[in-house]
PDB file of N, CA and C in Angstrom:
ATOM      1  N   UNK A   1    -191.804 129.668-123.411  1.00  0.00           N
ATOM      2  CA  UNK A   1    -191.227 129.135-122.126  1.00  0.00           C
ATOM      3  C   UNK A   1    -192.502 128.458-121.405  1.00  0.00           C
ATOM      4  N   UNK A   2    -192.056 127.577-120.519  1.00  0.00           N
ATOM      5  CA  UNK A   2    -193.136 126.928-119.539  1.00  0.00           C
ATOM      6  C   UNK A   2    -192.726 127.204-118.223  1.00  0.00           C
ATOM      7  N   UNK A   3    -193.896 127.739-117.470  1.00  0.00           N
ATOM      8  CA  UNK A   3    -193.668 128.035-115.934  1.00  0.00           C
ATOM      9  C   UNK A   3    -194.268 126.972-115.122  1.00  0.00           C
ATOM     10  N   UNK A   4    -193.381 126.420-114.230  1.00  0.00           N
ATOM     11  CA  UNK A   4    -193.825 125.393-113.176  1.00  0.00           C
ATOM     12  C   UNK A   4    -193.939 125.945-111.762  1.00  0.00           C
ATOM     13  N   UNK A   5    -195.188 125.816-111.148  1.00  0.00           N
ATOM     14  CA  UNK A   5    -195.239 126.306-109.851  1.00  0.00           C
ATOM     15  C   UNK A   5    -195.530 125.131-109.017  1.00  0.00           C
ATOM     16  N   UNK A   6    -194.582 124.997-107.851  1.00  0.00           N
ATOM     17  CA  UNK A   6    -194.634 123.849-106.937  1.00  0.00           C
ATOM     18  C   UNK A   6    -195.159 124.361-105.600  1.00  0.00           C
ATOM     19  N   UNK A   7    -196.314 123.490-105.177  1.00  0.00           N
ATOM     20  CA  UNK A   7    -196.881 124.029-103.880  1.00  0.00           C
ATOM     21  C   UNK A   7    -196.930 122.725-102.962  1.00  0.00           C
ATOM     22  N   UNK A   8    -196.522 122.875-101.796  1.00  0.00           N
ATOM     23  CA  UNK A   8    -196.379 121.820-100.884  1.00  0.00           C
ATOM     24  C   UNK A   8    -197.748 121.032-100.667  1.00  0.00           C
ATOM     25  N   UNK A   9    -197.681 119.596-101.143  1.00  0.00           N
ATOM     26  CA  UNK A   9    -198.790 118.688-101.048  1.00  0.00           C
ATOM     27  C   UNK A   9    -199.985 118.865-101.884  1.00  0.00           C
ATOM     28  N   UNK A  10    -199.749 119.862-102.863  1.00  0.00           N
ATOM     29  CA  UNK A  10    -200.774 120.087-103.792  1.00  0.00           C
ATOM     30  C   UNK A  10    -200.224 119.896-105.296  1.00  0.00           C
ATOM     31  N   UNK A  11    -201.121 119.741-106.151  1.00  0.00           N
ATOM     32  CA  UNK A  11    -200.619 119.560-107.604  1.00  0.00           C
ATOM     33  C   UNK A  11    -199.742 120.577-108.259  1.00  0.00           C
ATOM     34  N   UNK A  12    -198.993 120.353-108.943  1.00  0.00           N
ATOM     35  CA  UNK A  12    -198.151 121.396-109.556  1.00  0.00           C
ATOM     36  C   UNK A  12    -199.084 122.093-110.568  1.00  0.00           C
ATOM     37  N   UNK A  13    -198.782 123.448-110.775  1.00  0.00           N
ATOM     38  CA  UNK A  13    -199.509 124.250-111.896  1.00  0.00           C
ATOM     39  C   UNK A  13    -198.513 124.513-112.913  1.00  0.00           C
ATOM     40  N   UNK A  14    -198.825 124.408-114.180  1.00  0.00           N
ATOM     41  CA  UNK A  14    -198.067 124.604-115.316  1.00  0.00           C
ATOM     42  C   UNK A  14    -198.754 125.564-116.242  1.00  0.00           C
ATOM     43  N   UNK A  15    -197.909 126.536-116.877  1.00  0.00           N
ATOM     44  CA  UNK A  15    -198.612 127.450-117.663  1.00  0.00           C
ATOM     45  C   UNK A  15    -197.472 127.645-118.827  1.00  0.00           C
ATOM     46  N   UNK A  16    -197.995 127.981-119.957  1.00  0.00           N
ATOM     47  CA  UNK A  16    -196.946 128.042-121.079  1.00  0.00           C
ATOM     48  C   UNK A  16    -197.339 129.481-121.486  1.00  0.00           C
ATOM     49  N   UNK A  17    -196.167 130.210-121.711  1.00  0.00           N
ATOM     50  CA  UNK A  17    -196.068 131.544-122.293  1.00  0.00           C
ATOM     51  C   UNK A  17    -196.226 131.391-123.897  1.00  0.00           C
ATOM     52  N   UNK A  18    -197.074 132.129-124.427  1.00  0.00           N
ATOM     53  CA  UNK A  18    -197.275 131.962-125.923  1.00  0.00           C
ATOM     54  C   UNK A  18    -197.073 133.371-126.563  1.00  0.00           C
ATOM     55  N   UNK A  19    -195.871 133.933-126.955  1.00  0.00           N
ATOM     56  CA  UNK A  19    -195.748 135.158-127.387  1.00  0.00           C
ATOM     57  C   UNK A  19    -195.976 135.226-128.925  1.00  0.00           C
ATOM     58  N   UNK A  20    -196.266 134.062-129.496  1.00  0.00           N
ATOM     59  CA  UNK A  20    -196.557 134.145-130.871  1.00  0.00           C
ATOM     60  C   UNK A  20    -197.873 134.734-131.368  1.00  0.00           C
ATOM     61  N   UNK A  21    -198.071 135.006-132.493  1.00  0.00           N
ATOM     62  CA  UNK A  21    -199.307 135.480-132.997  1.00  0.00           C
ATOM     63  C   UNK A  21    -199.388 135.601-134.448  1.00  0.00           C
ATOM     64  N   UNK A  22    -200.267 136.117-134.997  1.00  0.00           N
ATOM     65  CA  UNK A  22    -200.323 136.261-136.555  1.00  0.00           C
ATOM     66  C   UNK A  22    -200.407 137.706-136.906  1.00  0.00           C
ATOM     67  N   UNK A  23    -200.334 138.108-138.113  1.00  0.00           N
ATOM     68  CA  UNK A  23    -200.125 139.495-138.698  1.00  0.00           C
ATOM     69  C   UNK A  23    -201.474 140.118-138.217  1.00  0.00           C
ATOM     70  N   UNK A  24    -201.210 141.453-137.737  1.00  0.00           N
ATOM     71  CA  UNK A  24    -202.158 142.325-137.238  1.00  0.00           C
ATOM     72  C   UNK A  24    -202.980 141.774-136.038  1.00  0.00           C
ATOM     73  N   UNK A  25    -202.443 141.002-135.287  1.00  0.00           N
ATOM     74  CA  UNK A  25    -203.019 140.479-134.116  1.00  0.00           C
ATOM     75  C   UNK A  25    -202.219 140.723-132.867  1.00  0.00           C
ATOM     76  N   UNK A  26    -202.873 140.689-131.758  1.00  0.00           N
ATOM     77  CA  UNK A  26    -202.190 141.107-130.434  1.00  0.00           C
ATOM     78  C   UNK A  26    -202.314 139.814-129.543  1.00  0.00           C
ATOM     79  N   UNK A  27    -201.165 139.692-128.744  1.00  0.00           N
ATOM     80  CA  UNK A  27    -201.155 138.528-127.900  1.00  0.00           C
ATOM     81  C   UNK A  27    -200.521 139.031-126.536  1.00  0.00           C
ATOM     82  N   UNK A  28    -201.164 138.694-125.463  1.00  0.00           N
ATOM     83  CA  UNK A  28    -200.593 139.206-124.194  1.00  0.00           C
ATOM     84  C   UNK A  28    -199.509 138.032-123.734  1.00  0.00           C
ATOM     85  N   UNK A  29    -198.407 138.342-123.420  1.00  0.00           N
ATOM     86  CA  UNK A  29    -197.432 137.072-123.085  1.00  0.00           C
ATOM     87  C   UNK A  29    -197.426 137.091-121.533  1.00  0.00           C
ATOM     88  N   UNK A  30    -198.326 137.708-120.816  1.00  0.00           N
ATOM     89  CA  UNK A  30    -198.273 137.547-119.317  1.00  0.00           C
ATOM     90  C   UNK A  30    -199.061 136.109-118.968  1.00  0.00           C
ATOM     91  N   UNK A  31    -198.787 135.676-117.915  1.00  0.00           N
ATOM     92  CA  UNK A  31    -199.596 134.469-117.375  1.00  0.00           C
ATOM     93  C   UNK A  31    -200.191 134.993-116.150  1.00  0.00           C
ATOM     94  N   UNK A  32    -201.264 134.523-115.801  1.00  0.00           N
ATOM     95  CA  UNK A  32    -201.962 134.862-114.498  1.00  0.00           C
ATOM     96  C   UNK A  32    -202.367 133.484-113.840  1.00  0.00           C
ATOM     97  N   UNK A  33    -201.906 133.154-112.682  1.00  0.00           N
ATOM     98  CA  UNK A  33    -202.235 132.006-111.980  1.00  0.00           C
ATOM     99  C   UNK A  33    -203.010 132.200-110.776  1.00  0.00           C
ATOM    100  N   UNK A  34    -204.180 131.543-110.648  1.00  0.00           N
ATOM    101  CA  UNK A  34    -204.972 131.323-109.511  1.00  0.00           C
ATOM    102  C   UNK A  34    -204.506 130.332-108.478  1.00  0.00           C
ATOM    103  N   UNK A  35    -204.179 130.680-107.379  1.00  0.00           N
ATOM    104  CA  UNK A  35    -203.836 129.743-106.272  1.00  0.00           C
ATOM    105  C   UNK A  35    -204.707 129.251-105.347  1.00  0.00           C
ATOM    106  N   UNK A  36    -205.994 129.807-105.513  1.00  0.00           N
ATOM    107  CA  UNK A  36    -207.099 129.263-104.660  1.00  0.00           C
ATOM    108  C   UNK A  36    -206.903 129.585-103.105  1.00  0.00           C
ATOM    109  N   UNK A  37    -207.218 128.781-102.304  1.00  0.00           N
ATOM    110  CA  UNK A  37    -207.135 129.059-100.703  1.00  0.00           C
ATOM    111  C   UNK A  37    -205.769 128.685-100.265  1.00  0.00           C
ATOM    112  N   UNK A  38    -204.735 128.238-101.108  1.00  0.00           N
ATOM    113  CA  UNK A  38    -203.580 128.011-100.643  1.00  0.00           C
ATOM    114  C   UNK A  38    -202.498 128.778-101.548  1.00  0.00           C
ATOM    115  N   UNK A  39    -202.408 130.143-101.101  1.00  0.00           N
ATOM    116  CA  UNK A  39    -201.469 131.027-101.852  1.00  0.00           C
ATOM    117  C   UNK A  39    -199.964 130.690-101.746  1.00  0.00           C
ATOM    118  N   UNK A  40    -199.570 129.805-100.847  1.00  0.00           N
ATOM    119  CA  UNK A  40    -198.109 129.547-100.787  1.00  0.00           C
ATOM    120  C   UNK A  40    -197.528 128.941-101.847  1.00  0.00           C
ATOM    121  N   UNK A  41    -196.425 129.436-102.401  1.00  0.00           N
ATOM    122  CA  UNK A  41    -195.570 128.776-103.559  1.00  0.00           C
ATOM    123  C   UNK A  41    -194.305 128.330-102.847  1.00  0.00           C
ATOM    124  N   UNK A  42    -194.012 126.984-103.270  1.00  0.00           N
ATOM    125  CA  UNK A  42    -192.671 126.647-102.806  1.00  0.00           C
ATOM    126  C   UNK A  42    -191.607 126.830-103.835  1.00  0.00           C
ATOM    127  N   UNK A  43    -191.944 126.777-104.982  1.00  0.00           N
ATOM    128  CA  UNK A  43    -190.913 127.006-106.047  1.00  0.00           C
ATOM    129  C   UNK A  43    -191.680 127.555-107.296  1.00  0.00           C
ATOM    130  N   UNK A  44    -190.914 128.344-107.933  1.00  0.00           N
ATOM    131  CA  UNK A  44    -191.441 128.863-109.366  1.00  0.00           C
ATOM    132  C   UNK A  44    -190.048 128.616-110.174  1.00  0.00           C
ATOM    133  N   UNK A  45    -190.425 127.770-111.239  1.00  0.00           N
ATOM    134  CA  UNK A  45    -189.441 127.351-112.168  1.00  0.00           C
ATOM    135  C   UNK A  45    -189.768 127.646-113.631  1.00  0.00           C
ATOM    136  N   UNK A  46    -188.875 128.255-114.421  1.00  0.00           N
ATOM    137  CA  UNK A  46    -189.152 128.530-115.845  1.00  0.00           C
ATOM    138  C   UNK A  46    -188.312 127.711-116.608  1.00  0.00           C
ATOM    139  N   UNK A  47    -188.964 127.031-117.540  1.00  0.00           N
ATOM    140  CA  UNK A  47    -188.424 126.170-118.502  1.00  0.00           C
ATOM    141  C   UNK A  47    -188.149 126.955-119.865  1.00  0.00           C
ATOM    142  N   UNK A  48    -187.173 127.441-120.089  1.00  0.00           N
ATOM    143  CA  UNK A  48    -187.063 128.299-121.231  1.00  0.00           C
ATOM    144  C   UNK A  48    -186.791 127.498-122.525  1.00  0.00           C
ATOM    145  N   UNK A  49    -187.142 127.991-123.709  1.00  0.00           N
ATOM    146  CA  UNK A  49    -187.237 127.328-125.027  1.00  0.00           C
ATOM    147  C   UNK A  49    -185.881 126.728-125.297  1.00  0.00           C
ATOM    148  N   UNK A  50    -184.729 127.194-124.895  1.00  0.00           N
ATOM    149  CA  UNK A  50    -183.401 126.711-125.256  1.00  0.00           C
ATOM    150  C   UNK A  50    -182.987 125.615-124.381  1.00  0.00           C
ATOM    151  N   UNK A  51    -184.055 125.076-123.387  1.00  0.00           N
ATOM    152  CA  UNK A  51    -183.692 123.918-122.524  1.00  0.00           C
ATOM    153  C   UNK A  51    -183.237 124.133-121.261  1.00  0.00           C
ATOM    154  N   UNK A  52    -182.889 125.405-120.854  1.00  0.00           N
ATOM    155  CA  UNK A  52    -182.269 125.873-119.635  1.00  0.00           C
ATOM    156  C   UNK A  52    -183.470 126.094-118.839  1.00  0.00           C
ATOM    157  N   UNK A  53    -183.345 125.550-117.316  1.00  0.00           N
ATOM    158  CA  UNK A  53    -184.484 125.751-116.425  1.00  0.00           C
ATOM    159  C   UNK A  53    -183.744 126.641-115.275  1.00  0.00           C
ATOM    160  N   UNK A  54    -184.528 127.668-114.806  1.00  0.00           N
ATOM    161  CA  UNK A  54    -184.148 128.598-113.764  1.00  0.00           C
ATOM    162  C   UNK A  54    -185.226 128.600-112.668  1.00  0.00           C
ATOM    163  N   UNK A  55    -184.866 128.530-111.529  1.00  0.00           N
ATOM    164  CA  UNK A  55    -185.775 128.824-110.250  1.00  0.00           C
ATOM    165  C   UNK A  55    -185.605 130.323-110.011  1.00  0.00           C
ATOM    166  N   UNK A  56    -186.721 130.958-109.653  1.00  0.00           N
ATOM    167  CA  UNK A  56    -186.885 132.292-109.242  1.00  0.00           C
ATOM    168  C   UNK A  56    -187.511 132.404-107.965  1.00  0.00           C
ATOM    169  N   UNK A  57    -187.062 133.503-107.200  1.00  0.00           N
ATOM    170  CA  UNK A  57    -187.631 133.733-105.891  1.00  0.00           C
ATOM    171  C   UNK A  57    -189.114 133.831-105.956  1.00  0.00           C
ATOM    172  N   UNK A  58    -189.868 133.485-104.966  1.00  0.00           N
ATOM    173  CA  UNK A  58    -191.342 133.489-104.854  1.00  0.00           C
ATOM    174  C   UNK A  58    -191.855 134.806-105.228  1.00  0.00           C
ATOM    175  N   UNK A  59    -192.603 135.031-106.139  1.00  0.00           N
ATOM    176  CA  UNK A  59    -193.260 136.305-106.341  1.00  0.00           C
ATOM    177  C   UNK A  59    -194.319 136.784-105.281  1.00  0.00           C
ATOM    178  N   UNK A  60    -194.421 138.069-105.201  1.00  0.00           N
ATOM    179  CA  UNK A  60    -195.355 138.661-104.252  1.00  0.00           C
ATOM    180  C   UNK A  60    -196.602 138.450-104.836  1.00  0.00           C
ATOM    181  N   UNK A  61    -197.677 137.782-104.089  1.00  0.00           N
ATOM    182  CA  UNK A  61    -198.972 137.603-104.562  1.00  0.00           C
ATOM    183  C   UNK A  61    -199.732 138.936-105.039  1.00  0.00           C
ATOM    184  N   UNK A  62    -200.611 138.737-106.033  1.00  0.00           N
ATOM    185  CA  UNK A  62    -201.449 139.793-106.534  1.00  0.00           C
ATOM    186  C   UNK A  62    -200.572 140.823-107.103  1.00  0.00           C
ATOM    187  N   UNK A  63    -199.406 140.566-107.718  1.00  0.00           N
ATOM    188  CA  UNK A  63    -198.680 141.510-108.473  1.00  0.00           C
ATOM    189  C   UNK A  63    -198.130 140.934-109.556  1.00  0.00           C
ATOM    190  N   UNK A  64    -197.818 141.592-110.749  1.00  0.00           N
ATOM    191  CA  UNK A  64    -197.154 141.331-111.872  1.00  0.00           C
ATOM    192  C   UNK A  64    -195.639 141.183-111.681  1.00  0.00           C
ATOM    193  N   UNK A  65    -195.049 140.127-111.905  1.00  0.00           N
ATOM    194  CA  UNK A  65    -193.590 140.133-111.817  1.00  0.00           C
ATOM    195  C   UNK A  65    -192.930 139.636-113.108  1.00  0.00           C
ATOM    196  N   UNK A  66    -191.813 140.363-113.544  1.00  0.00           N
ATOM    197  CA  UNK A  66    -191.240 140.179-114.781  1.00  0.00           C
ATOM    198  C   UNK A  66    -190.012 139.123-114.394  1.00  0.00           C
ATOM    199  N   UNK A  67    -189.896 138.063-115.178  1.00  0.00           N
ATOM    200  CA  UNK A  67    -188.792 137.038-114.917  1.00  0.00           C
ATOM    201  C   UNK A  67    -188.010 137.173-116.175  1.00  0.00           C
ATOM    202  N   UNK A  68    -186.639 137.261-116.028  1.00  0.00           N
ATOM    203  CA  UNK A  68    -185.842 137.417-117.135  1.00  0.00           C
ATOM    204  C   UNK A  68    -184.753 136.317-117.138  1.00  0.00           C
ATOM    205  N   UNK A  69    -184.702 135.711-118.417  1.00  0.00           N
ATOM    206  CA  UNK A  69    -183.784 134.625-118.521  1.00  0.00           C
ATOM    207  C   UNK A  69    -182.350 134.911-118.172  1.00  0.00           C
ATOM    208  N   UNK A  70    -181.577 134.164-117.343  1.00  0.00           N
ATOM    209  CA  UNK A  70    -180.273 134.517-116.882  1.00  0.00           C
ATOM    210  C   UNK A  70    -180.252 135.291-115.425  1.00  0.00           C
ATOM    211  N   UNK A  71    -181.464 135.434-114.858  1.00  0.00           N
ATOM    212  CA  UNK A  71    -181.393 136.144-113.615  1.00  0.00           C
ATOM    213  C   UNK A  71    -181.963 135.231-112.493  1.00  0.00           C
ATOM    214  N   UNK A  72    -182.201 134.047-112.778  1.00  0.00           N
ATOM    215  CA  UNK A  72    -182.688 132.986-111.927  1.00  0.00           C
ATOM    216  C   UNK A  72    -181.578 132.061-111.547  1.00  0.00           C
ATOM    217  N   UNK A  73    -181.718 131.106-110.688  1.00  0.00           N
ATOM    218  CA  UNK A  73    -180.721 130.134-110.449  1.00  0.00           C
ATOM    219  C   UNK A  73    -181.023 128.838-111.144  1.00  0.00           C
ATOM    220  N   UNK A  74    -179.962 128.474-111.958  1.00  0.00           N
ATOM    221  CA  UNK A  74    -180.101 127.257-112.803  1.00  0.00           C
ATOM    222  C   UNK A  74    -180.541 125.981-112.064  1.00  0.00           C
ATOM    223  N   UNK A  75    -181.399 125.226-112.645  1.00  0.00           N
ATOM    224  CA  UNK A  75    -181.679 123.895-112.033  1.00  0.00           C
ATOM    225  C   UNK A  75    -181.603 122.905-113.006  1.00  0.00           C
ATOM    226  N   UNK A  76    -181.046 121.642-112.713  1.00  0.00           N
ATOM    227  CA  UNK A  76    -181.038 120.505-113.664  1.00  0.00           C
ATOM    228  C   UNK A  76    -179.881 121.021-114.801  1.00  0.00           C
ATOM    229  N   UNK A  77    -179.886 120.196-115.787  1.00  0.00           N
ATOM    230  CA  UNK A  77    -178.931 120.118-116.859  1.00  0.00           C
ATOM    231  C   UNK A  77    -179.651 120.466-118.173  1.00  0.00           C
ATOM    232  N   UNK A  78    -179.174 121.399-119.038  1.00  0.00           N
ATOM    233  CA  UNK A  78    -179.840 121.695-120.361  1.00  0.00           C
ATOM    234  C   UNK A  78    -179.644 120.539-121.289  1.00  0.00           C
TER     235      UNK A  78
END
């Protein structure tokens, strides 16, 4: 999945979740985003591998948030 973070007047931040790995390896599927001096997020959108895009409520800063497909608001058309 690809995560898109929109912030007013600033460049968008994109991160890709990579749960793949190889035999006997470990991979952390979490993403961590540094927001710098402007911690405000206008929108958090996940583009799922099946083409569906969903917008989620703004996460609380400095906390891990689990985003589950089907629990956000659909945006755009698949």
